[in-house]
Amino acid sequence: MEPYDRQEAITKSTDLIVPMVRRALGLFLSAKYVLMDSWFGFPAVVRSLMHHIHVICMVKNTPKIFYEFEGQSQTISQIYRKIRKGRGRSKIKGSVTVGIGEGKKAKLVFVRHRNRKEGVKWLALLCTDLSLPDEEVVRIYGKRWDIEVFFKMSKHYLKLDSEIQVRDFDSILAHSTIVMIRYIFLAVEQRSFLMIGQ
């Protein structure tokens, strides 16, 4: 086990993002984008990652986070009210380039919220690759759903959080590793089944 594993277990998650991405890219993994949900979609985090890889993430609609738009610091809601909206029931409502601090730019893509929980009619995605078409931003971010499926499978069916009751780091790491191996077996089996069906 690497010595940094224990330290990472007690380190703030937002402080781990850049080192983890650098480590993954250092292992010769090929990736164009890192996908994040709104828990990590803060301008400071995005800026730090931009030095290594492009980011596509969901951003929170909150009065506490500001972006530079039309020469002013504005919230996501303020920006949304000013953009030109797509007509009809189009999935993409509109997009705009904004500043995220320190001279860095990103694109906000506003999409229709399918569930409309609590009256929310739209969501905002942020992309640091300004050349990427809006449709591609939405399509690529949609791949994050596979991660949600993985978590649900791991917790509900592979007993990630209920099979054992331990508190020490080594036991938790060992159990998590076993669950991941189980998931890999299932994923390989599923892909083999799909290939045979074709």
N, C-alpha and C. Protein backbone atom coordinates (compact mmCIF):
# COMPACT_ATOMS: atom_id res chain seq x y z
N MET A 1 0.84 -1.19 0.00
CA MET A 1 0.00 0.00 0.00
C MET A 1 0.88 1.25 0.00
N GLU A 2 0.53 2.21 -0.83
CA GLU A 2 1.29 3.45 -0.91
C GLU A 2 1.09 4.28 0.36
N PRO A 3 2.11 5.00 0.81
CA PRO A 3 1.98 5.78 2.04
C PRO A 3 0.96 6.90 1.96
N TYR A 4 0.67 7.40 0.73
CA TYR A 4 -0.28 8.51 0.63
C TYR A 4 -1.73 8.06 0.82
N ASP A 5 -2.01 6.76 0.76
CA ASP A 5 -3.39 6.29 0.88
C ASP A 5 -4.03 6.69 2.19
N ARG A 6 -3.32 6.50 3.29
CA ARG A 6 -3.88 6.84 4.60
C ARG A 6 -4.09 8.34 4.74
N GLN A 7 -3.15 9.12 4.23
CA GLN A 7 -3.29 10.58 4.31
C GLN A 7 -4.47 11.06 3.49
N GLU A 8 -4.68 10.45 2.32
CA GLU A 8 -5.80 10.84 1.48
C GLU A 8 -7.14 10.55 2.14
N ALA A 9 -7.19 9.52 2.98
CA ALA A 9 -8.44 9.15 3.64
C ALA A 9 -8.93 10.24 4.59
N ILE A 10 -8.03 11.11 5.05
CA ILE A 10 -8.42 12.17 5.98
C ILE A 10 -8.24 13.56 5.37
N THR A 11 -8.05 13.62 4.06
CA THR A 11 -7.86 14.88 3.36
C THR A 11 -9.17 15.34 2.74
N LYS A 12 -9.41 16.62 2.72
CA LYS A 12 -10.61 17.19 2.11
C LYS A 12 -10.70 16.76 0.65
N SER A 13 -11.88 16.33 0.22
CA SER A 13 -12.04 15.75 -1.12
C SER A 13 -11.65 16.72 -2.23
N THR A 14 -11.98 18.01 -2.08
CA THR A 14 -11.64 18.96 -3.15
C THR A 14 -10.13 19.15 -3.28
N ASP A 15 -9.38 18.89 -2.20
CA ASP A 15 -7.93 19.01 -2.26
C ASP A 15 -7.28 17.80 -2.93
N LEU A 16 -8.04 16.73 -3.11
CA LEU A 16 -7.50 15.50 -3.70
C LEU A 16 -7.69 15.43 -5.21
N ILE A 17 -8.56 16.28 -5.75
CA ILE A 17 -8.93 16.14 -7.16
C ILE A 17 -7.73 16.28 -8.08
N VAL A 18 -6.98 17.37 -7.95
CA VAL A 18 -5.85 17.59 -8.86
C VAL A 18 -4.79 16.51 -8.72
N PRO A 19 -4.35 16.14 -7.50
CA PRO A 19 -3.36 15.06 -7.39
C PRO A 19 -3.84 13.74 -7.98
N MET A 20 -5.14 13.42 -7.80
CA MET A 20 -5.66 12.17 -8.35
C MET A 20 -5.67 12.19 -9.88
N VAL A 21 -6.06 13.32 -10.46
CA VAL A 21 -6.08 13.44 -11.92
C VAL A 21 -4.66 13.37 -12.47
N ARG A 22 -3.72 14.06 -11.82
CA ARG A 22 -2.32 14.01 -12.26
C ARG A 22 -1.78 12.59 -12.20
N ARG A 23 -2.12 11.88 -11.14
CA ARG A 23 -1.65 10.50 -10.99
C ARG A 23 -2.22 9.61 -12.09
N ALA A 24 -3.54 9.79 -12.37
CA ALA A 24 -4.17 8.98 -13.41
C ALA A 24 -3.55 9.25 -14.78
N LEU A 25 -3.32 10.53 -15.09
CA LEU A 25 -2.71 10.87 -16.38
C LEU A 25 -1.27 10.40 -16.44
N GLY A 26 -0.59 10.36 -15.30
CA GLY A 26 0.79 9.86 -15.24
C GLY A 26 0.90 8.38 -15.48
N LEU A 27 -0.21 7.66 -15.34
CA LEU A 27 -0.23 6.22 -15.59
C LEU A 27 -0.56 5.92 -17.05
N PHE A 28 -0.43 6.93 -17.88
CA PHE A 28 -0.64 6.81 -19.33
C PHE A 28 -2.10 6.51 -19.68
N LEU A 29 -3.01 6.92 -18.80
CA LEU A 29 -4.43 6.82 -19.14
C LEU A 29 -4.77 7.94 -20.12
N SER A 30 -5.51 7.61 -21.14
CA SER A 30 -5.86 8.60 -22.15
C SER A 30 -7.25 9.16 -21.85
N ALA A 31 -7.32 10.46 -21.64
CA ALA A 31 -8.60 11.10 -21.37
C ALA A 31 -8.57 12.53 -21.89
N LYS A 32 -9.69 12.97 -22.46
CA LYS A 32 -9.80 14.35 -22.93
C LYS A 32 -10.47 15.24 -21.89
N TYR A 33 -11.36 14.63 -21.09
CA TYR A 33 -12.15 15.41 -20.14
C TYR A 33 -12.25 14.68 -18.81
N VAL A 34 -12.40 15.45 -17.75
CA VAL A 34 -12.79 14.90 -16.46
C VAL A 34 -14.20 15.38 -16.20
N LEU A 35 -15.09 14.45 -15.81
CA LEU A 35 -16.49 14.76 -15.58
C LEU A 35 -16.74 14.82 -14.08
N MET A 36 -17.43 15.88 -13.64
CA MET A 36 -17.70 16.05 -12.21
C MET A 36 -19.13 16.51 -12.01
N ASP A 37 -19.71 16.13 -10.86
CA ASP A 37 -21.03 16.66 -10.55
C ASP A 37 -20.88 17.99 -9.82
N SER A 38 -22.00 18.55 -9.41
CA SER A 38 -21.97 19.91 -8.86
C SER A 38 -21.26 20.01 -7.51
N TRP A 39 -21.04 18.88 -6.83
CA TRP A 39 -20.31 18.92 -5.56
C TRP A 39 -18.89 19.46 -5.75
N PHE A 40 -18.34 19.27 -6.94
CA PHE A 40 -16.96 19.71 -7.22
C PHE A 40 -16.89 20.81 -8.27
N GLY A 41 -18.05 21.25 -8.77
CA GLY A 41 -18.06 22.21 -9.87
C GLY A 41 -17.89 23.66 -9.44
N PHE A 42 -16.85 23.94 -8.68
CA PHE A 42 -16.57 25.30 -8.23
C PHE A 42 -15.49 25.92 -9.12
N PRO A 43 -15.56 27.22 -9.39
CA PRO A 43 -14.57 27.86 -10.26
C PRO A 43 -13.12 27.59 -9.85
N ALA A 44 -12.81 27.62 -8.55
CA ALA A 44 -11.44 27.41 -8.11
C ALA A 44 -10.96 26.00 -8.44
N VAL A 45 -11.82 25.01 -8.25
CA VAL A 45 -11.47 23.61 -8.57
C VAL A 45 -11.28 23.46 -10.07
N VAL A 46 -12.19 24.03 -10.85
CA VAL A 46 -12.10 23.94 -12.31
C VAL A 46 -10.81 24.59 -12.81
N ARG A 47 -10.48 25.77 -12.26
CA ARG A 47 -9.25 26.45 -12.69
C ARG A 47 -8.01 25.59 -12.41
N SER A 48 -7.96 24.96 -11.27
CA SER A 48 -6.79 24.15 -10.93
C SER A 48 -6.67 22.92 -11.83
N LEU A 49 -7.80 22.38 -12.27
CA LEU A 49 -7.76 21.21 -13.15
C LEU A 49 -7.43 21.58 -14.59
N MET A 50 -7.76 22.81 -15.00
CA MET A 50 -7.55 23.23 -16.39
C MET A 50 -6.10 23.14 -16.82
N HIS A 51 -5.17 23.17 -15.87
CA HIS A 51 -3.74 23.07 -16.20
C HIS A 51 -3.39 21.67 -16.69
N HIS A 52 -4.26 20.69 -16.42
CA HIS A 52 -3.95 19.30 -16.73
C HIS A 52 -4.90 18.66 -17.74
N ILE A 53 -6.18 19.07 -17.69
CA ILE A 53 -7.19 18.42 -18.52
C ILE A 53 -8.43 19.31 -18.59
N HIS A 54 -9.21 19.16 -19.66
CA HIS A 54 -10.46 19.91 -19.77
C HIS A 54 -11.50 19.34 -18.80
N VAL A 55 -12.41 20.19 -18.36
CA VAL A 55 -13.42 19.82 -17.37
C VAL A 55 -14.82 20.01 -17.97
N ILE A 56 -15.70 19.05 -17.70
CA ILE A 56 -17.13 19.20 -17.96
C ILE A 56 -17.83 18.85 -16.65
N CYS A 57 -18.63 19.78 -16.13
CA CYS A 57 -19.27 19.52 -14.85
C CYS A 57 -20.62 20.22 -14.75
N MET A 58 -21.42 19.73 -13.84
CA MET A 58 -22.66 20.41 -13.46
C MET A 58 -22.26 21.53 -12.50
N VAL A 59 -22.94 22.66 -12.55
CA VAL A 59 -22.65 23.74 -11.60
C VAL A 59 -23.91 24.06 -10.81
N LYS A 60 -23.71 24.46 -9.55
CA LYS A 60 -24.83 24.76 -8.67
C LYS A 60 -25.41 26.14 -8.97
N ASN A 61 -26.72 26.21 -8.90
CA ASN A 61 -27.40 27.49 -9.01
C ASN A 61 -27.52 28.06 -7.61
N THR A 62 -26.54 28.85 -7.21
CA THR A 62 -26.49 29.38 -5.85
C THR A 62 -26.10 30.86 -5.88
N PRO A 63 -26.60 31.64 -4.95
CA PRO A 63 -26.24 33.07 -4.91
C PRO A 63 -24.83 33.32 -4.39
N LYS A 64 -24.11 32.26 -4.01
CA LYS A 64 -22.78 32.42 -3.44
C LYS A 64 -21.64 32.27 -4.45
N ILE A 65 -21.95 31.81 -5.66
CA ILE A 65 -20.91 31.59 -6.67
C ILE A 65 -21.17 32.53 -7.85
N PHE A 66 -20.12 33.22 -8.28
CA PHE A 66 -20.25 34.23 -9.33
C PHE A 66 -19.33 33.91 -10.52
N TYR A 67 -19.79 34.32 -11.69
CA TYR A 67 -19.03 34.20 -12.93
C TYR A 67 -18.97 35.57 -13.60
N GLU A 68 -17.95 35.79 -14.39
CA GLU A 68 -17.80 37.08 -15.06
C GLU A 68 -18.56 37.04 -16.39
N PHE A 69 -19.54 37.91 -16.51
CA PHE A 69 -20.37 37.96 -17.71
C PHE A 69 -20.78 39.39 -17.98
N GLU A 70 -20.53 39.84 -19.20
CA GLU A 70 -20.84 41.22 -19.61
C GLU A 70 -20.23 42.24 -18.67
N GLY A 71 -18.99 41.97 -18.26
CA GLY A 71 -18.25 42.91 -17.44
C GLY A 71 -18.65 42.96 -15.98
N GLN A 72 -19.50 42.03 -15.53
CA GLN A 72 -19.96 42.02 -14.15
C GLN A 72 -19.86 40.62 -13.55
N SER A 73 -19.78 40.56 -12.22
CA SER A 73 -19.85 39.27 -11.52
C SER A 73 -21.32 38.93 -11.34
N GLN A 74 -21.72 37.79 -11.88
CA GLN A 74 -23.13 37.43 -11.85
C GLN A 74 -23.31 35.96 -11.47
N THR A 75 -24.46 35.66 -10.89
CA THR A 75 -24.78 34.29 -10.55
C THR A 75 -25.29 33.55 -11.79
N ILE A 76 -25.43 32.25 -11.66
CA ILE A 76 -25.96 31.44 -12.76
C ILE A 76 -27.36 31.91 -13.15
N SER A 77 -28.20 32.19 -12.17
CA SER A 77 -29.58 32.63 -12.46
C SER A 77 -29.60 33.96 -13.20
N GLN A 78 -28.75 34.88 -12.78
CA GLN A 78 -28.69 36.18 -13.45
C GLN A 78 -28.25 36.03 -14.90
N ILE A 79 -27.28 35.17 -15.12
CA ILE A 79 -26.79 34.93 -16.49
C ILE A 79 -27.89 34.29 -17.33
N TYR A 80 -28.58 33.29 -16.76
CA TYR A 80 -29.63 32.59 -17.50
C TYR A 80 -30.73 33.55 -17.95
N ARG A 81 -31.09 34.49 -17.09
CA ARG A 81 -32.14 35.43 -17.45
C ARG A 81 -31.75 36.32 -18.63
N LYS A 82 -30.44 36.50 -18.86
CA LYS A 82 -29.99 37.42 -19.90
C LYS A 82 -29.70 36.74 -21.24
N ILE A 83 -29.56 35.43 -21.26
CA ILE A 83 -29.19 34.78 -22.52
C ILE A 83 -30.41 34.62 -23.42
N ARG A 84 -30.12 34.43 -24.69
CA ARG A 84 -31.19 34.18 -25.66
C ARG A 84 -31.53 32.70 -25.60
N LYS A 85 -32.79 32.38 -25.35
CA LYS A 85 -33.22 30.99 -25.15
C LYS A 85 -33.57 30.32 -26.47
N GLY A 86 -33.31 29.01 -26.52
CA GLY A 86 -33.73 28.21 -27.66
C GLY A 86 -35.24 28.11 -27.71
N ARG A 87 -35.80 28.07 -28.89
CA ARG A 87 -37.25 28.04 -29.04
C ARG A 87 -37.81 26.64 -28.82
N GLY A 88 -39.11 26.62 -28.51
CA GLY A 88 -39.81 25.34 -28.39
C GLY A 88 -39.32 24.52 -27.20
N ARG A 89 -39.36 23.20 -27.40
CA ARG A 89 -38.99 22.28 -26.33
C ARG A 89 -37.60 21.70 -26.55
N SER A 90 -36.71 22.51 -27.08
CA SER A 90 -35.35 22.03 -27.34
C SER A 90 -34.67 21.66 -26.03
N LYS A 91 -33.83 20.65 -26.08
CA LYS A 91 -33.11 20.17 -24.89
C LYS A 91 -32.15 21.23 -24.38
N ILE A 92 -31.47 21.91 -25.30
CA ILE A 92 -30.50 22.94 -24.93
C ILE A 92 -31.18 24.31 -24.99
N LYS A 93 -31.18 24.99 -23.85
CA LYS A 93 -31.84 26.30 -23.77
C LYS A 93 -30.95 27.43 -24.30
N GLY A 94 -29.63 27.26 -24.17
CA GLY A 94 -28.71 28.28 -24.64
C GLY A 94 -27.33 28.07 -24.03
N SER A 95 -26.36 28.86 -24.50
CA SER A 95 -25.00 28.77 -23.96
C SER A 95 -24.33 30.13 -24.04
N VAL A 96 -23.30 30.30 -23.22
CA VAL A 96 -22.59 31.57 -23.16
C VAL A 96 -21.20 31.32 -22.61
N THR A 97 -20.24 32.15 -23.01
CA THR A 97 -18.88 32.07 -22.47
C THR A 97 -18.77 33.02 -21.28
N VAL A 98 -18.18 32.51 -20.20
CA VAL A 98 -18.05 33.31 -18.98
C VAL A 98 -16.60 33.23 -18.47
N GLY A 99 -16.26 34.18 -17.61
CA GLY A 99 -14.98 34.13 -16.93
C GLY A 99 -15.12 33.40 -15.61
N ILE A 100 -14.11 32.60 -15.25
CA ILE A 100 -14.17 31.86 -13.99
C ILE A 100 -13.02 32.28 -13.06
N GLY A 101 -12.47 33.48 -13.32
CA GLY A 101 -11.41 33.99 -12.46
C GLY A 101 -10.03 33.74 -13.02
N GLU A 102 -9.09 34.62 -12.64
CA GLU A 102 -7.68 34.51 -13.05
C GLU A 102 -7.52 34.48 -14.57
N GLY A 103 -8.42 35.16 -15.27
CA GLY A 103 -8.34 35.24 -16.73
C GLY A 103 -8.78 34.00 -17.47
N LYS A 104 -9.30 33.00 -16.78
CA LYS A 104 -9.73 31.75 -17.40
C LYS A 104 -11.16 31.87 -17.89
N LYS A 105 -11.45 31.20 -19.00
CA LYS A 105 -12.79 31.22 -19.60
C LYS A 105 -13.37 29.81 -19.63
N ALA A 106 -14.68 29.76 -19.61
CA ALA A 106 -15.39 28.49 -19.73
C ALA A 106 -16.73 28.76 -20.40
N LYS A 107 -17.37 27.70 -20.83
CA LYS A 107 -18.68 27.82 -21.46
C LYS A 107 -19.74 27.25 -20.53
N LEU A 108 -20.83 27.99 -20.36
CA LEU A 108 -22.00 27.49 -19.64
C LEU A 108 -23.05 27.06 -20.65
N VAL A 109 -23.52 25.83 -20.51
CA VAL A 109 -24.57 25.31 -21.38
C VAL A 109 -25.79 25.05 -20.51
N PHE A 110 -26.89 25.72 -20.82
CA PHE A 110 -28.12 25.57 -20.04
C PHE A 110 -29.01 24.55 -20.74
N VAL A 111 -29.45 23.55 -19.98
CA VAL A 111 -30.28 22.48 -20.54
C VAL A 111 -31.60 22.38 -19.80
N ARG A 112 -32.60 21.88 -20.49
CA ARG A 112 -33.92 21.69 -19.88
C ARG A 112 -33.83 20.60 -18.82
N HIS A 113 -34.44 20.84 -17.66
CA HIS A 113 -34.46 19.86 -16.58
C HIS A 113 -35.64 18.93 -16.80
N ARG A 114 -35.35 17.65 -17.06
CA ARG A 114 -36.42 16.71 -17.39
C ARG A 114 -37.35 16.44 -16.21
N ASN A 115 -36.79 16.35 -15.00
CA ASN A 115 -37.63 16.00 -13.84
C ASN A 115 -38.37 17.19 -13.26
N ARG A 116 -37.78 18.36 -13.37
CA ARG A 116 -38.38 19.60 -12.86
C ARG A 116 -38.79 19.51 -11.39
N LYS A 117 -37.93 18.93 -10.60
CA LYS A 117 -38.21 18.84 -9.17
C LYS A 117 -38.19 20.23 -8.55
N GLU A 118 -39.10 20.45 -7.64
CA GLU A 118 -39.18 21.71 -6.90
C GLU A 118 -39.20 22.93 -7.81
N GLY A 119 -39.81 22.79 -8.98
CA GLY A 119 -39.95 23.92 -9.87
C GLY A 119 -38.71 24.29 -10.67
N VAL A 120 -37.65 23.47 -10.59
CA VAL A 120 -36.41 23.76 -11.34
C VAL A 120 -36.64 23.40 -12.80
N LYS A 121 -36.50 24.38 -13.69
CA LYS A 121 -36.79 24.15 -15.11
C LYS A 121 -35.53 23.96 -15.95
N TRP A 122 -34.36 24.27 -15.39
CA TRP A 122 -33.13 24.16 -16.18
C TRP A 122 -31.96 23.80 -15.27
N LEU A 123 -30.92 23.26 -15.90
CA LEU A 123 -29.66 22.94 -15.24
C LEU A 123 -28.54 23.57 -16.05
N ALA A 124 -27.40 23.77 -15.43
CA ALA A 124 -26.27 24.39 -16.13
C ALA A 124 -25.05 23.47 -16.09
N LEU A 125 -24.45 23.27 -17.26
CA LEU A 125 -23.20 22.52 -17.38
C LEU A 125 -22.10 23.50 -17.72
N LEU A 126 -20.92 23.26 -17.19
CA LEU A 126 -19.76 24.10 -17.48
C LEU A 126 -18.73 23.26 -18.23
N CYS A 127 -18.13 23.84 -19.26
CA CYS A 127 -17.12 23.15 -20.06
C CYS A 127 -15.96 24.09 -20.33
N THR A 128 -14.74 23.63 -20.07
CA THR A 128 -13.57 24.47 -20.30
C THR A 128 -13.07 24.41 -21.73
N ASP A 129 -13.58 23.45 -22.51
CA ASP A 129 -13.21 23.35 -23.92
C ASP A 129 -14.18 24.20 -24.72
N LEU A 130 -13.79 25.43 -25.03
CA LEU A 130 -14.70 26.38 -25.69
C LEU A 130 -15.05 25.97 -27.11
N SER A 131 -14.24 25.09 -27.71
CA SER A 131 -14.51 24.67 -29.08
C SER A 131 -15.50 23.53 -29.17
N LEU A 132 -15.86 22.94 -28.05
CA LEU A 132 -16.76 21.78 -28.05
C LEU A 132 -18.20 22.25 -28.26
N PRO A 133 -18.90 21.69 -29.25
CA PRO A 133 -20.30 22.10 -29.49
C PRO A 133 -21.18 21.79 -28.26
N ASP A 134 -22.22 22.59 -28.10
CA ASP A 134 -23.11 22.42 -26.96
C ASP A 134 -23.66 21.00 -26.86
N GLU A 135 -24.05 20.43 -28.00
CA GLU A 135 -24.62 19.08 -28.01
C GLU A 135 -23.62 18.05 -27.50
N GLU A 136 -22.34 18.25 -27.83
CA GLU A 136 -21.30 17.33 -27.36
C GLU A 136 -21.06 17.47 -25.87
N VAL A 137 -21.15 18.69 -25.36
CA VAL A 137 -21.01 18.91 -23.92
C VAL A 137 -22.07 18.09 -23.18
N VAL A 138 -23.31 18.18 -23.65
CA VAL A 138 -24.42 17.45 -23.02
C VAL A 138 -24.22 15.95 -23.17
N ARG A 139 -23.83 15.50 -24.36
CA ARG A 139 -23.66 14.06 -24.60
C ARG A 139 -22.56 13.48 -23.72
N ILE A 140 -21.42 14.17 -23.65
CA ILE A 140 -20.30 13.66 -22.86
C ILE A 140 -20.63 13.67 -21.37
N TYR A 141 -21.26 14.74 -20.90
CA TYR A 141 -21.62 14.77 -19.48
C TYR A 141 -22.59 13.64 -19.14
N GLY A 142 -23.42 13.26 -20.09
CA GLY A 142 -24.37 12.16 -19.87
C GLY A 142 -23.70 10.85 -19.52
N LYS A 143 -22.43 10.70 -19.89
CA LYS A 143 -21.70 9.47 -19.57
C LYS A 143 -21.48 9.32 -18.06
N ARG A 144 -21.64 10.42 -17.32
CA ARG A 144 -21.52 10.33 -15.86
C ARG A 144 -22.56 9.39 -15.26
N TRP A 145 -23.65 9.17 -15.98
CA TRP A 145 -24.70 8.31 -15.45
C TRP A 145 -24.17 6.91 -15.16
N ASP A 146 -23.17 6.46 -15.93
CA ASP A 146 -22.58 5.14 -15.67
C ASP A 146 -21.98 5.07 -14.27
N ILE A 147 -21.47 6.20 -13.78
CA ILE A 147 -20.90 6.23 -12.43
C ILE A 147 -22.01 6.06 -11.40
N GLU A 148 -23.16 6.70 -11.63
CA GLU A 148 -24.28 6.56 -10.70
C GLU A 148 -24.78 5.12 -10.68
N VAL A 149 -24.81 4.48 -11.84
CA VAL A 149 -25.22 3.07 -11.92
C VAL A 149 -24.24 2.21 -11.13
N PHE A 150 -22.95 2.51 -11.27
CA PHE A 150 -21.92 1.77 -10.53
C PHE A 150 -22.14 1.89 -9.03
N PHE A 151 -22.40 3.10 -8.53
CA PHE A 151 -22.60 3.27 -7.10
C PHE A 151 -23.84 2.53 -6.61
N LYS A 152 -24.91 2.61 -7.38
CA LYS A 152 -26.14 1.91 -6.98
C LYS A 152 -25.91 0.41 -6.94
N MET A 153 -25.26 -0.11 -7.96
CA MET A 153 -24.97 -1.54 -8.00
C MET A 153 -24.08 -1.96 -6.83
N SER A 154 -23.05 -1.15 -6.56
CA SER A 154 -22.11 -1.47 -5.48
C SER A 154 -22.77 -1.46 -4.11
N LYS A 155 -23.64 -0.49 -3.87
CA LYS A 155 -24.27 -0.35 -2.55
C LYS A 155 -25.43 -1.32 -2.36
N HIS A 156 -26.31 -1.40 -3.35
CA HIS A 156 -27.54 -2.17 -3.17
C HIS A 156 -27.38 -3.66 -3.44
N TYR A 157 -26.54 -4.02 -4.40
CA TYR A 157 -26.45 -5.42 -4.80
C TYR A 157 -25.14 -6.09 -4.40
N LEU A 158 -24.06 -5.32 -4.35
CA LEU A 158 -22.76 -5.90 -4.00
C LEU A 158 -22.38 -5.61 -2.55
N LYS A 159 -23.29 -5.00 -1.81
CA LYS A 159 -23.16 -4.82 -0.35
C LYS A 159 -21.94 -4.00 0.07
N LEU A 160 -21.64 -2.96 -0.67
CA LEU A 160 -20.48 -2.12 -0.34
C LEU A 160 -20.59 -1.53 1.07
N ASP A 161 -21.79 -1.10 1.45
CA ASP A 161 -21.92 -0.43 2.74
C ASP A 161 -22.63 -1.25 3.81
N SER A 162 -22.93 -2.52 3.52
CA SER A 162 -23.67 -3.29 4.52
C SER A 162 -23.12 -4.69 4.79
N GLU A 163 -22.19 -5.16 4.01
CA GLU A 163 -21.72 -6.54 4.17
C GLU A 163 -20.87 -6.72 5.42
N ILE A 164 -20.06 -5.73 5.73
CA ILE A 164 -19.21 -5.83 6.92
C ILE A 164 -19.29 -4.53 7.71
N GLN A 165 -19.00 -4.61 8.98
CA GLN A 165 -18.99 -3.44 9.85
C GLN A 165 -17.59 -3.29 10.43
N VAL A 166 -16.77 -2.49 9.79
CA VAL A 166 -15.40 -2.27 10.24
C VAL A 166 -15.10 -0.77 10.26
N ARG A 167 -14.07 -0.41 10.99
CA ARG A 167 -13.70 1.00 11.09
C ARG A 167 -12.25 1.26 10.70
N ASP A 168 -11.42 0.23 10.71
CA ASP A 168 -10.01 0.49 10.42
C ASP A 168 -9.78 0.58 8.91
N PHE A 169 -8.81 1.38 8.53
CA PHE A 169 -8.55 1.73 7.13
C PHE A 169 -8.26 0.50 6.27
N ASP A 170 -7.41 -0.40 6.75
CA ASP A 170 -7.02 -1.58 5.94
C ASP A 170 -8.21 -2.47 5.61
N SER A 171 -9.11 -2.66 6.59
CA SER A 171 -10.28 -3.50 6.35
C SER A 171 -11.24 -2.86 5.35
N ILE A 172 -11.43 -1.56 5.50
CA ILE A 172 -12.31 -0.84 4.57
C ILE A 172 -11.74 -0.91 3.15
N LEU A 173 -10.44 -0.71 3.03
CA LEU A 173 -9.79 -0.77 1.71
C LEU A 173 -9.91 -2.17 1.11
N ALA A 174 -9.70 -3.20 1.93
CA ALA A 174 -9.79 -4.58 1.44
C ALA A 174 -11.21 -4.90 0.97
N HIS A 175 -12.20 -4.52 1.76
CA HIS A 175 -13.59 -4.79 1.39
C HIS A 175 -13.97 -4.04 0.11
N SER A 176 -13.58 -2.77 0.02
CA SER A 176 -13.88 -1.98 -1.19
C SER A 176 -13.26 -2.62 -2.42
N THR A 177 -12.04 -3.11 -2.27
CA THR A 177 -11.35 -3.76 -3.39
C THR A 177 -12.10 -5.01 -3.84
N ILE A 178 -12.57 -5.81 -2.90
CA ILE A 178 -13.33 -7.02 -3.24
C ILE A 178 -14.62 -6.66 -3.98
N VAL A 179 -15.30 -5.62 -3.52
CA VAL A 179 -16.54 -5.18 -4.18
C VAL A 179 -16.24 -4.73 -5.61
N MET A 180 -15.14 -3.99 -5.79
CA MET A 180 -14.77 -3.52 -7.14
C MET A 180 -14.47 -4.70 -8.07
N ILE A 181 -13.81 -5.72 -7.55
CA ILE A 181 -13.50 -6.89 -8.37
C ILE A 181 -14.80 -7.60 -8.77
N ARG A 182 -15.73 -7.71 -7.85
CA ARG A 182 -17.04 -8.30 -8.18
C ARG A 182 -17.70 -7.52 -9.31
N TYR A 183 -17.65 -6.20 -9.20
CA TYR A 183 -18.28 -5.36 -10.22
C TYR A 183 -17.61 -5.56 -11.58
N ILE A 184 -16.29 -5.66 -11.59
CA ILE A 184 -15.56 -5.88 -12.84
C ILE A 184 -16.01 -7.18 -13.50
N PHE A 185 -16.15 -8.25 -12.71
CA PHE A 185 -16.62 -9.53 -13.24
C PHE A 185 -17.99 -9.38 -13.89
N LEU A 186 -18.90 -8.68 -13.20
CA LEU A 186 -20.25 -8.48 -13.73
C LEU A 186 -20.23 -7.64 -15.01
N ALA A 187 -19.39 -6.59 -15.02
CA ALA A 187 -19.31 -5.72 -16.20
C ALA A 187 -18.76 -6.48 -17.41
N VAL A 188 -17.74 -7.29 -17.19
CA VAL A 188 -17.18 -8.10 -18.29
C VAL A 188 -18.22 -9.08 -18.81
N GLU A 189 -18.93 -9.72 -17.88
CA GLU A 189 -19.97 -10.68 -18.27
C GLU A 189 -21.07 -10.00 -19.08
N GLN A 190 -21.47 -8.81 -18.64
CA GLN A 190 -22.52 -8.08 -19.35
C GLN A 190 -22.07 -7.71 -20.76
N ARG A 191 -20.84 -7.22 -20.88
CA ARG A 191 -20.34 -6.83 -22.21
C ARG A 191 -20.23 -8.05 -23.12
N SER A 192 -19.80 -9.18 -22.57
CA SER A 192 -19.70 -10.41 -23.38
C SER A 192 -21.08 -10.82 -23.86
N PHE A 193 -22.08 -10.73 -23.00
CA PHE A 193 -23.45 -11.09 -23.35
C PHE A 193 -23.97 -10.18 -24.46
N LEU A 194 -23.68 -8.86 -24.35
CA LEU A 194 -24.13 -7.91 -25.37
C LEU A 194 -23.46 -8.18 -26.71
N MET A 195 -22.16 -8.53 -26.67
CA MET A 195 -21.44 -8.80 -27.92
C MET A 195 -21.98 -10.06 -28.59
N ILE A 196 -22.35 -11.07 -27.80
CA ILE A 196 -22.91 -12.29 -28.37
C ILE A 196 -24.26 -12.00 -29.01
N GLY A 197 -25.04 -11.12 -28.37
CA GLY A 197 -26.35 -10.75 -28.89
C GLY A 197 -26.31 -10.02 -30.21
N GLN A 198 -25.16 -9.37 -30.49
CA GLN A 198 -25.02 -8.64 -31.75
C GLN A 198 -24.71 -9.62 -32.88
